[in-house]
Amino acid sequence: MLDLIKNKPTISAAEIAMKMDMSSRGVEKHIKKLRETGIIKRNGTDFGGYWEIVNLGND
């Protein structure tokens, strides 16, 4: 999932679900965990924003 976000920061949860052959709900759960742990954050609006990978834990 992080590779998809890294390669296309504007990717939607639906696009991630299709590429990973997961349910949209499953993707949303993973995104929620990544956001809560500070690994990714969303910049901008839902439709015009982009994902940013903030911390991979190997600082």
C-alpha atoms as a PDB file:
ATOM      1  CA  MET A   1       0.000   0.000   0.000  1.00  0.00           C
ATOM      2  CA  LEU A   2       2.835   2.387   0.834  1.00  0.00           C
ATOM      3  CA  ASP A   3       4.449   1.695  -2.545  1.00  0.00           C
ATOM      4  CA  LEU A   4       1.189   2.620  -4.295  1.00  0.00           C
ATOM      5  CA  ILE A   5       0.958   5.835  -2.287  1.00  0.00           C
ATOM      6  CA  LYS A   6       4.631   6.622  -2.910  1.00  0.00           C
ATOM      7  CA  ASN A   7       4.243   6.141  -6.669  1.00  0.00           C
ATOM      8  CA  LYS A   8       0.945   8.041  -6.916  1.00  0.00           C
ATOM      9  CA  PRO A   9       0.267  10.347  -3.936  1.00  0.00           C
ATOM     10  CA  THR A  10      -3.153  11.300  -5.320  1.00  0.00           C
ATOM     11  CA  ILE A  11      -4.373   7.685  -5.353  1.00  0.00           C
ATOM     12  CA  SER A  12      -7.808   7.034  -3.874  1.00  0.00           C
ATOM     13  CA  ALA A  13      -8.782   4.280  -1.469  1.00  0.00           C
ATOM     14  CA  ALA A  14     -10.909   2.743  -4.231  1.00  0.00           C
ATOM     15  CA  GLU A  15      -7.904   2.627  -6.577  1.00  0.00           C
ATOM     16  CA  ILE A  16      -5.787   1.020  -3.856  1.00  0.00           C
ATOM     17  CA  ALA A  17      -8.510  -1.568  -3.276  1.00  0.00           C
ATOM     18  CA  MET A  18      -8.626  -2.484  -6.969  1.00  0.00           C
ATOM     19  CA  LYS A  19      -4.849  -2.733  -7.324  1.00  0.00           C
ATOM     20  CA  MET A  20      -4.457  -4.788  -4.153  1.00  0.00           C
ATOM     21  CA  ASP A  21      -7.565  -6.927  -4.725  1.00  0.00           C
ATOM     22  CA  MET A  22      -8.985  -5.891  -1.356  1.00  0.00           C
ATOM     23  CA  SER A  23     -12.313  -4.533  -0.235  1.00  0.00           C
ATOM     24  CA  SER A  24     -12.648  -0.766   0.072  1.00  0.00           C
ATOM     25  CA  ARG A  25     -13.455  -1.236   3.742  1.00  0.00           C
ATOM     26  CA  GLY A  26     -10.255  -3.216   4.268  1.00  0.00           C
ATOM     27  CA  VAL A  27      -8.220  -0.466   2.646  1.00  0.00           C
ATOM     28  CA  GLU A  28      -9.925   2.166   4.806  1.00  0.00           C
ATOM     29  CA  LYS A  29      -8.992   0.185   7.944  1.00  0.00           C
ATOM     30  CA  HIS A  30      -5.342  -0.009   6.868  1.00  0.00           C
ATOM     31  CA  ILE A  31      -5.271   3.687   6.009  1.00  0.00           C
ATOM     32  CA  LYS A  32      -6.748   4.514   9.402  1.00  0.00           C
ATOM     33  CA  LYS A  33      -3.993   2.529  11.156  1.00  0.00           C
ATOM     34  CA  LEU A  34      -1.286   4.173   9.038  1.00  0.00           C
ATOM     35  CA  ARG A  35      -2.686   7.621   9.867  1.00  0.00           C
ATOM     36  CA  GLU A  36      -3.028   6.860  13.595  1.00  0.00           C
ATOM     37  CA  THR A  37       0.588   5.676  13.801  1.00  0.00           C
ATOM     38  CA  GLY A  38       1.813   8.771  11.959  1.00  0.00           C
ATOM     39  CA  ILE A  39       3.146   6.939   8.917  1.00  0.00           C
ATOM     40  CA  ILE A  40       0.974   8.777   6.398  1.00  0.00           C
ATOM     41  CA  LYS A  41      -1.105  11.925   6.362  1.00  0.00           C
ATOM     42  CA  ARG A  42      -3.558  13.478   3.960  1.00  0.00           C
ATOM     43  CA  ASN A  43      -2.900  16.964   2.602  1.00  0.00           C
ATOM     44  CA  GLY A  44      -5.638  18.978   0.962  1.00  0.00           C
ATOM     45  CA  THR A  45      -9.216  17.978   0.311  1.00  0.00           C
ATOM     46  CA  ASP A  46     -10.612  14.498  -0.196  1.00  0.00           C
ATOM     47  CA  PHE A  47     -10.899  14.981  -3.956  1.00  0.00           C
ATOM     48  CA  GLY A  48      -8.033  17.363  -4.635  1.00  0.00           C
ATOM     49  CA  GLY A  49      -5.552  16.283  -1.998  1.00  0.00           C
ATOM     50  CA  TYR A  50      -2.691  13.856  -1.824  1.00  0.00           C
ATOM     51  CA  TRP A  51      -1.091  11.380   0.572  1.00  0.00           C
ATOM     52  CA  GLU A  52       2.255  12.059   2.172  1.00  0.00           C
ATOM     53  CA  ILE A  53       4.442   9.363   3.706  1.00  0.00           C
ATOM     54  CA  VAL A  54       5.707  11.012   6.863  1.00  0.00           C
ATOM     55  CA  ASN A  55       7.528   8.337   8.835  1.00  0.00           C
ATOM     56  CA  LEU A  56       8.547   4.795   7.983  1.00  0.00           C
ATOM     57  CA  GLY A  57      10.020   4.176  11.414  1.00  0.00           C
ATOM     58  CA  ASN A  58      13.612   3.867  10.207  1.00  0.00           C
ATOM     59  CA  ASP A  59      14.831   7.336  11.174  1.00  0.00           C
END
